[in-house]
């Protein structure tokens, strides 16, 4: 149970503005072999998607403070994510798992008022495929 909770919260934090590596936690849990791969992939995906949802909420409701020092994303990160969004549209959310651009991308989705249902579907697909791949490799 501790492994699942740790993985869930690690994956959640990794999808928010905090620097964290859910992939390493998943690999460690897989190597331990105490819990099935599908269960670990599910828990990691759930935590990571919920973290992305937090970013979406932040983008949706906190964008007005983007010029403050404490704001979690730089203007450059937000601009890059917005450009990516304008170029590729909703489909860019399939890449919300990527380091550096993933967190600002989910934030930008909220700021650009992307509807929650397509956001959750696409983010979940991308993050699930990433974790399945890690499970397959390990």
Protein backbone atom coordinates (compact mmCIF):
# COMPACT_ATOMS: atom_id res chain seq x y z
CA UNK A 1 0.00 0.00 0.00
CA UNK A 2 2.88 2.36 0.79
CA UNK A 3 4.34 1.77 -2.67
CA UNK A 4 1.06 2.67 -4.35
CA UNK A 5 0.57 5.83 -2.27
CA UNK A 6 4.17 6.92 -2.85
CA UNK A 7 3.86 6.32 -6.58
CA UNK A 8 0.53 8.15 -6.74
CA UNK A 9 1.81 11.24 -4.92
CA UNK A 10 5.13 11.17 -6.77
CA UNK A 11 3.34 11.04 -10.11
CA UNK A 12 0.96 13.78 -8.97
CA UNK A 13 3.82 16.07 -7.95
CA UNK A 14 5.73 15.31 -11.14
CA UNK A 15 2.82 16.66 -13.20
CA UNK A 16 2.60 19.89 -11.25
CA UNK A 17 5.14 22.68 -11.15
CA UNK A 18 7.36 20.78 -8.73
CA UNK A 19 10.42 19.03 -10.15
CA UNK A 20 9.93 15.32 -9.56
CA UNK A 21 10.50 12.10 -11.50
CA UNK A 22 7.58 9.73 -11.57
CA UNK A 23 9.37 7.56 -14.11
CA UNK A 24 12.11 6.67 -11.65
CA UNK A 25 9.53 5.88 -8.98
CA UNK A 26 7.63 3.65 -11.39
CA UNK A 27 10.81 1.83 -12.43
CA UNK A 28 11.72 1.24 -8.77
CA UNK A 29 8.23 -0.09 -8.01
CA UNK A 30 8.33 -2.33 -11.09
CA UNK A 31 11.76 -3.69 -10.14
CA UNK A 32 10.54 -4.47 -6.62
CA UNK A 33 8.00 -6.81 -8.22
CA UNK A 34 5.53 -6.65 -5.33
CA UNK A 35 2.66 -5.14 -7.34
CA UNK A 36 1.47 -5.97 -10.84
CA UNK A 37 2.58 -3.81 -13.74
CA UNK A 38 -1.00 -2.84 -14.74
CA UNK A 39 -1.76 -1.68 -11.20
CA UNK A 40 1.41 0.43 -11.05
CA UNK A 41 0.76 1.92 -14.50
CA UNK A 42 -2.80 2.76 -13.46
CA UNK A 43 -1.75 4.45 -10.21
CA UNK A 44 1.06 6.42 -11.87
CA UNK A 45 -1.29 7.54 -14.64
CA UNK A 46 -4.02 8.53 -12.19
CA UNK A 47 -1.64 10.64 -10.10
CA UNK A 48 -0.02 12.23 -13.13
CA UNK A 49 -3.34 13.11 -14.79
CA UNK A 50 -4.66 14.63 -11.56
CA UNK A 51 -1.49 16.73 -11.33
CA UNK A 52 -2.05 17.90 -14.92
CA UNK A 53 -5.63 18.76 -13.95
CA UNK A 54 -4.26 20.99 -11.17
CA UNK A 55 -2.16 22.79 -13.80
CA UNK A 56 -5.27 23.18 -15.98
CA UNK A 57 -7.12 24.71 -13.02
CA UNK A 58 -4.21 27.05 -12.32
CA UNK A 59 -4.19 28.15 -15.93
CA UNK A 60 -7.92 28.60 -15.96
CA UNK A 61 -8.07 30.74 -12.82
CA UNK A 62 -4.63 32.20 -12.04
CA UNK A 63 -3.37 33.55 -15.37
CA UNK A 64 -4.04 37.14 -14.28
CA UNK A 65 -1.01 36.87 -11.95
CA UNK A 66 1.47 35.77 -14.64
CA UNK A 67 3.60 38.88 -14.14
CA UNK A 68 4.23 38.16 -10.45
CA UNK A 69 7.62 36.85 -9.32
CA UNK A 70 6.10 33.81 -7.62
CA UNK A 71 4.22 32.71 -10.74
CA UNK A 72 5.34 29.13 -11.55
CA UNK A 73 5.95 29.52 -15.31
CA UNK A 74 8.11 32.01 -17.15
CA UNK A 75 6.76 34.11 -20.00
CA UNK A 76 8.95 32.11 -22.37
CA UNK A 77 7.50 28.79 -21.18
CA UNK A 78 3.95 30.07 -21.54
CA UNK A 79 4.67 31.50 -24.97
CA UNK A 80 6.25 28.26 -26.16
CA UNK A 81 3.30 26.23 -24.88
CA UNK A 82 0.80 28.66 -26.45
CA UNK A 83 2.64 28.52 -29.78
CA UNK A 84 2.63 24.74 -29.63
CA UNK A 85 -1.09 24.83 -28.91
CA UNK A 86 -1.85 27.21 -31.75
CA UNK A 87 0.19 25.12 -34.19
CA UNK A 88 -1.05 21.65 -33.21
CA UNK A 89 -4.28 22.36 -31.37
CA UNK A 90 -5.78 19.95 -28.89
CA UNK A 91 -3.64 17.08 -30.18
CA UNK A 92 -0.61 18.68 -28.56
CA UNK A 93 -2.04 17.51 -25.23
CA UNK A 94 -0.92 14.00 -26.15
CA UNK A 95 2.57 15.31 -25.33
CA UNK A 96 1.73 16.65 -21.88
CA UNK A 97 4.02 13.94 -20.45
CA UNK A 98 7.14 15.51 -21.96
CA UNK A 99 9.70 17.13 -19.67
CA UNK A 100 9.97 20.94 -19.75
CA UNK A 101 7.00 21.58 -22.06
CA UNK A 102 4.38 19.27 -20.52
CA UNK A 103 3.56 21.29 -17.40
CA UNK A 104 3.31 24.65 -19.20
CA UNK A 105 1.26 22.93 -21.91
CA UNK A 106 -1.37 21.76 -19.42
CA UNK A 107 -1.35 25.20 -17.81
CA UNK A 108 -1.79 26.83 -21.22
CA UNK A 109 -4.73 24.52 -21.93
CA UNK A 110 -6.49 25.93 -18.88
CA UNK A 111 -5.54 29.49 -19.75
CA UNK A 112 -6.86 29.00 -23.29
CA UNK A 113 -10.14 27.61 -21.88
CA UNK A 114 -9.77 24.15 -23.38
CA UNK A 115 -12.80 22.12 -22.35
CA UNK A 116 -12.12 19.70 -19.53
CA UNK A 117 -13.35 16.49 -21.21
CA UNK A 118 -11.04 16.60 -24.27
CA UNK A 119 -8.22 17.81 -22.03
CA UNK A 120 -8.57 14.82 -19.70
CA UNK A 121 -8.98 12.32 -22.55
CA UNK A 122 -5.90 13.44 -24.48
CA UNK A 123 -3.69 13.95 -21.43
CA UNK A 124 -4.70 10.55 -20.09
CA UNK A 125 -3.90 8.84 -23.40
CA UNK A 126 -0.46 10.43 -23.63
CA UNK A 127 0.49 9.77 -20.03
CA UNK A 128 -0.84 6.20 -20.10
CA UNK A 129 1.12 5.32 -23.23
CA UNK A 130 4.28 6.70 -21.64
CA UNK A 131 3.84 4.60 -18.48
CA UNK A 132 2.88 1.49 -20.46
CA UNK A 133 6.07 1.91 -22.47
CA UNK A 134 8.13 2.16 -19.28
CA UNK A 135 6.38 -0.92 -17.90
CA UNK A 136 7.12 -2.80 -21.11
CA UNK A 137 10.79 -1.78 -21.15
CA UNK A 138 11.34 -2.67 -17.49
